[in-house]
Amino acid sequence: MNAIYNALIVPAQLIQPVRIECVDTAVPVLQKLVAGNIEAIAGSNWHAYLNDEGYRLPQNDRAEVLIREAGVDLDDFINGRVVFLGHGPRGEEANVPFRLIRLAEQLFDLPLAA
């Protein structure tokens, strides 16, 4: 069953804001958000969806920094829009962890959470 959760959206273009948005977690919706087929990168209590052919998209320095600062070593660059969500029970989706939101706020000097 698909549900709607709070996601942290990090666009590749610096002129577009990093934001928290309620998203439907159906695969077609996630594919639309990342502009193509999805792949995932997982952290301790979160995961990030990105385009599996990201090499065709602009590099996303903000998402790359956030992923690295959240403790995940990367072998490659991060490209395109990235959607961060949390891990729920039994492999389900969940709201993006507050800790990741706070880290993004600190890294990008942005107020995201109310």
C-alpha atoms as a PDB file:
ATOM      1  CA  MET A   1       0.000   0.000   0.000  1.00  0.00           C
ATOM      2  CA  ASN A   2       1.337   3.410  -0.924  1.00  0.00           C
ATOM      3  CA  ALA A   3       1.149   6.262   1.489  1.00  0.00           C
ATOM      4  CA  ILE A   4       2.087   9.903   1.724  1.00  0.00           C
ATOM      5  CA  TYR A   5       5.152  10.853   3.749  1.00  0.00           C
ATOM      6  CA  ASN A   6       7.271  13.919   4.360  1.00  0.00           C
ATOM      7  CA  ALA A   7      10.299  13.779   2.090  1.00  0.00           C
ATOM      8  CA  LEU A   8      13.350  15.980   1.836  1.00  0.00           C
ATOM      9  CA  ILE A   9      13.735  17.042  -1.801  1.00  0.00           C
ATOM     10  CA  VAL A  10      17.176  18.229  -2.924  1.00  0.00           C
ATOM     11  CA  PRO A  11      17.203  19.576  -6.504  1.00  0.00           C
ATOM     12  CA  ALA A  12      20.445  19.623  -8.469  1.00  0.00           C
ATOM     13  CA  GLN A  13      19.968  23.207  -9.618  1.00  0.00           C
ATOM     14  CA  LEU A  14      21.184  25.610  -6.950  1.00  0.00           C
ATOM     15  CA  ILE A  15      18.488  28.143  -7.863  1.00  0.00           C
ATOM     16  CA  GLN A  16      15.816  25.636  -6.770  1.00  0.00           C
ATOM     17  CA  PRO A  17      15.268  25.383  -3.009  1.00  0.00           C
ATOM     18  CA  VAL A  18      15.839  22.356  -0.837  1.00  0.00           C
ATOM     19  CA  ARG A  19      12.418  21.643   0.631  1.00  0.00           C
ATOM     20  CA  ILE A  20      10.252  19.283   2.628  1.00  0.00           C
ATOM     21  CA  GLU A  21       7.281  18.029   0.656  1.00  0.00           C
ATOM     22  CA  CYS A  22       4.525  15.479   1.221  1.00  0.00           C
ATOM     23  CA  VAL A  23       4.989  12.815  -1.435  1.00  0.00           C
ATOM     24  CA  ASP A  24       3.081   9.753  -2.501  1.00  0.00           C
ATOM     25  CA  THR A  25       5.568   6.879  -2.408  1.00  0.00           C
ATOM     26  CA  ALA A  26       4.157   4.991  -5.377  1.00  0.00           C
ATOM     27  CA  VAL A  27       6.972   4.067  -7.760  1.00  0.00           C
ATOM     28  CA  PRO A  28       5.545   6.096 -10.689  1.00  0.00           C
ATOM     29  CA  VAL A  29       5.407   9.203  -8.477  1.00  0.00           C
ATOM     30  CA  LEU A  30       8.992   8.703  -7.285  1.00  0.00           C
ATOM     31  CA  GLN A  31      10.093   8.149 -10.882  1.00  0.00           C
ATOM     32  CA  LYS A  32       8.477  11.418 -11.881  1.00  0.00           C
ATOM     33  CA  LEU A  33      10.234  13.238  -9.032  1.00  0.00           C
ATOM     34  CA  VAL A  34      13.677  11.956 -10.089  1.00  0.00           C
ATOM     35  CA  ALA A  35      12.901  12.161 -13.834  1.00  0.00           C
ATOM     36  CA  GLY A  36      13.444   8.486 -14.627  1.00  0.00           C
ATOM     37  CA  ASN A  37      13.908   5.037 -13.183  1.00  0.00           C
ATOM     38  CA  ILE A  38      14.882   5.043  -9.539  1.00  0.00           C
ATOM     39  CA  GLU A  39      17.790   3.645  -7.613  1.00  0.00           C
ATOM     40  CA  ALA A  40      18.379   4.016  -3.883  1.00  0.00           C
ATOM     41  CA  ILE A  41      21.189   4.836  -1.507  1.00  0.00           C
ATOM     42  CA  ALA A  42      20.625   3.811   2.115  1.00  0.00           C
ATOM     43  CA  GLY A  43      21.820   5.312   5.360  1.00  0.00           C
ATOM     44  CA  SER A  44      21.220   4.129   8.911  1.00  0.00           C
ATOM     45  CA  ASN A  45      17.566   5.208   9.194  1.00  0.00           C
ATOM     46  CA  TRP A  46      16.970   6.862   5.821  1.00  0.00           C
ATOM     47  CA  HIS A  47      17.269   6.226   2.115  1.00  0.00           C
ATOM     48  CA  ALA A  48      17.514   8.449  -0.924  1.00  0.00           C
ATOM     49  CA  TYR A  49      15.967   7.887  -4.334  1.00  0.00           C
ATOM     50  CA  LEU A  50      17.717   9.189  -7.424  1.00  0.00           C
ATOM     51  CA  ASN A  51      17.670   8.653 -11.171  1.00  0.00           C
ATOM     52  CA  ASP A  52      19.493   5.445 -12.141  1.00  0.00           C
ATOM     53  CA  GLU A  53      20.889   7.207 -15.218  1.00  0.00           C
ATOM     54  CA  GLY A  54      21.967  10.287 -13.312  1.00  0.00           C
ATOM     55  CA  TYR A  55      25.104  10.727 -15.384  1.00  0.00           C
ATOM     56  CA  ARG A  56      22.825  12.421 -17.929  1.00  0.00           C
ATOM     57  CA  LEU A  57      21.652  14.975 -15.345  1.00  0.00           C
ATOM     58  CA  PRO A  58      23.367  17.911 -13.624  1.00  0.00           C
ATOM     59  CA  GLN A  59      25.574  17.086 -10.658  1.00  0.00           C
ATOM     60  CA  ASN A  60      23.867  17.534  -7.282  1.00  0.00           C
ATOM     61  CA  ASP A  61      26.532  18.876  -4.928  1.00  0.00           C
ATOM     62  CA  ARG A  62      24.085  19.539  -2.081  1.00  0.00           C
ATOM     63  CA  ALA A  63      22.705  15.986  -2.019  1.00  0.00           C
ATOM     64  CA  GLU A  64      26.208  14.573  -2.305  1.00  0.00           C
ATOM     65  CA  VAL A  65      27.433  16.601   0.676  1.00  0.00           C
ATOM     66  CA  LEU A  66      24.351  15.668   2.709  1.00  0.00           C
ATOM     67  CA  ILE A  67      24.787  11.951   1.982  1.00  0.00           C
ATOM     68  CA  ARG A  68      28.480  12.038   2.874  1.00  0.00           C
ATOM     69  CA  GLU A  69      27.881  14.062   6.059  1.00  0.00           C
ATOM     70  CA  ALA A  70      25.133  11.587   7.032  1.00  0.00           C
ATOM     71  CA  GLY A  71      27.786   8.857   7.055  1.00  0.00           C
ATOM     72  CA  VAL A  72      27.578   7.146   3.669  1.00  0.00           C
ATOM     73  CA  ASP A  73      30.740   6.769   1.606  1.00  0.00           C
ATOM     74  CA  LEU A  74      30.118   7.316  -2.088  1.00  0.00           C
ATOM     75  CA  ASP A  75      32.091   5.909  -4.986  1.00  0.00           C
ATOM     76  CA  ASP A  76      30.544   8.235  -7.537  1.00  0.00           C
ATOM     77  CA  PHE A  77      28.942  11.638  -7.981  1.00  0.00           C
ATOM     78  CA  ILE A  78      25.265  12.287  -7.239  1.00  0.00           C
ATOM     79  CA  ASN A  79      23.306  13.750 -10.144  1.00  0.00           C
ATOM     80  CA  GLY A  80      19.757  14.974 -10.578  1.00  0.00           C
ATOM     81  CA  ARG A  81      17.030  15.578  -8.007  1.00  0.00           C
ATOM     82  CA  VAL A  82      17.239  13.402  -4.877  1.00  0.00           C
ATOM     83  CA  VAL A  83      14.317  12.397  -2.645  1.00  0.00           C
ATOM     84  CA  PHE A  84      15.127  11.456   0.971  1.00  0.00           C
ATOM     85  CA  LEU A  85      12.718   9.343   3.046  1.00  0.00           C
ATOM     86  CA  GLY A  86      12.961   7.341   6.251  1.00  0.00           C
ATOM     87  CA  HIS A  87      12.954   3.606   6.930  1.00  0.00           C
ATOM     88  CA  GLY A  88       9.660   2.314   8.270  1.00  0.00           C
ATOM     89  CA  PRO A  89       8.789  -1.040   9.807  1.00  0.00           C
ATOM     90  CA  ARG A  90       8.977  -4.120   7.583  1.00  0.00           C
ATOM     91  CA  GLY A  91      10.761  -2.239   4.795  1.00  0.00           C
ATOM     92  CA  GLU A  92       8.034   0.353   4.394  1.00  0.00           C
ATOM     93  CA  GLU A  93       8.598   4.028   3.724  1.00  0.00           C
ATOM     94  CA  ALA A  94       8.503   6.592   6.542  1.00  0.00           C
ATOM     95  CA  ASN A  95       8.888  10.326   7.033  1.00  0.00           C
ATOM     96  CA  VAL A  96      12.378  11.650   6.460  1.00  0.00           C
ATOM     97  CA  PRO A  97      14.165  11.533   9.842  1.00  0.00           C
ATOM     98  CA  PHE A  98      14.275  14.810  11.731  1.00  0.00           C
ATOM     99  CA  ARG A  99      18.040  14.316  12.213  1.00  0.00           C
ATOM    100  CA  LEU A 100      18.548  14.419   8.434  1.00  0.00           C
ATOM    101  CA  ILE A 101      16.406  17.551   8.141  1.00  0.00           C
ATOM    102  CA  ARG A 102      18.478  19.263  10.847  1.00  0.00           C
ATOM    103  CA  LEU A 103      21.704  18.240   9.117  1.00  0.00           C
ATOM    104  CA  ALA A 104      20.454  19.731   5.832  1.00  0.00           C
ATOM    105  CA  GLU A 105      19.484  22.928   7.651  1.00  0.00           C
ATOM    106  CA  GLN A 106      22.980  23.218   9.121  1.00  0.00           C
ATOM    107  CA  LEU A 107      24.807  22.382   5.899  1.00  0.00           C
ATOM    108  CA  PHE A 108      22.779  24.668   3.657  1.00  0.00           C
ATOM    109  CA  ASP A 109      21.891  27.374   6.202  1.00  0.00           C
ATOM    110  CA  LEU A 110      18.182  26.864   5.514  1.00  0.00           C
ATOM    111  CA  PRO A 111      15.144  26.765   7.786  1.00  0.00           C
ATOM    112  CA  LEU A 112      13.264  23.629   6.701  1.00  0.00           C
ATOM    113  CA  ALA A 113      11.369  22.374   9.730  1.00  0.00           C
ATOM    114  CA  ALA A 114       8.807  24.362  11.650  1.00  0.00           C
END
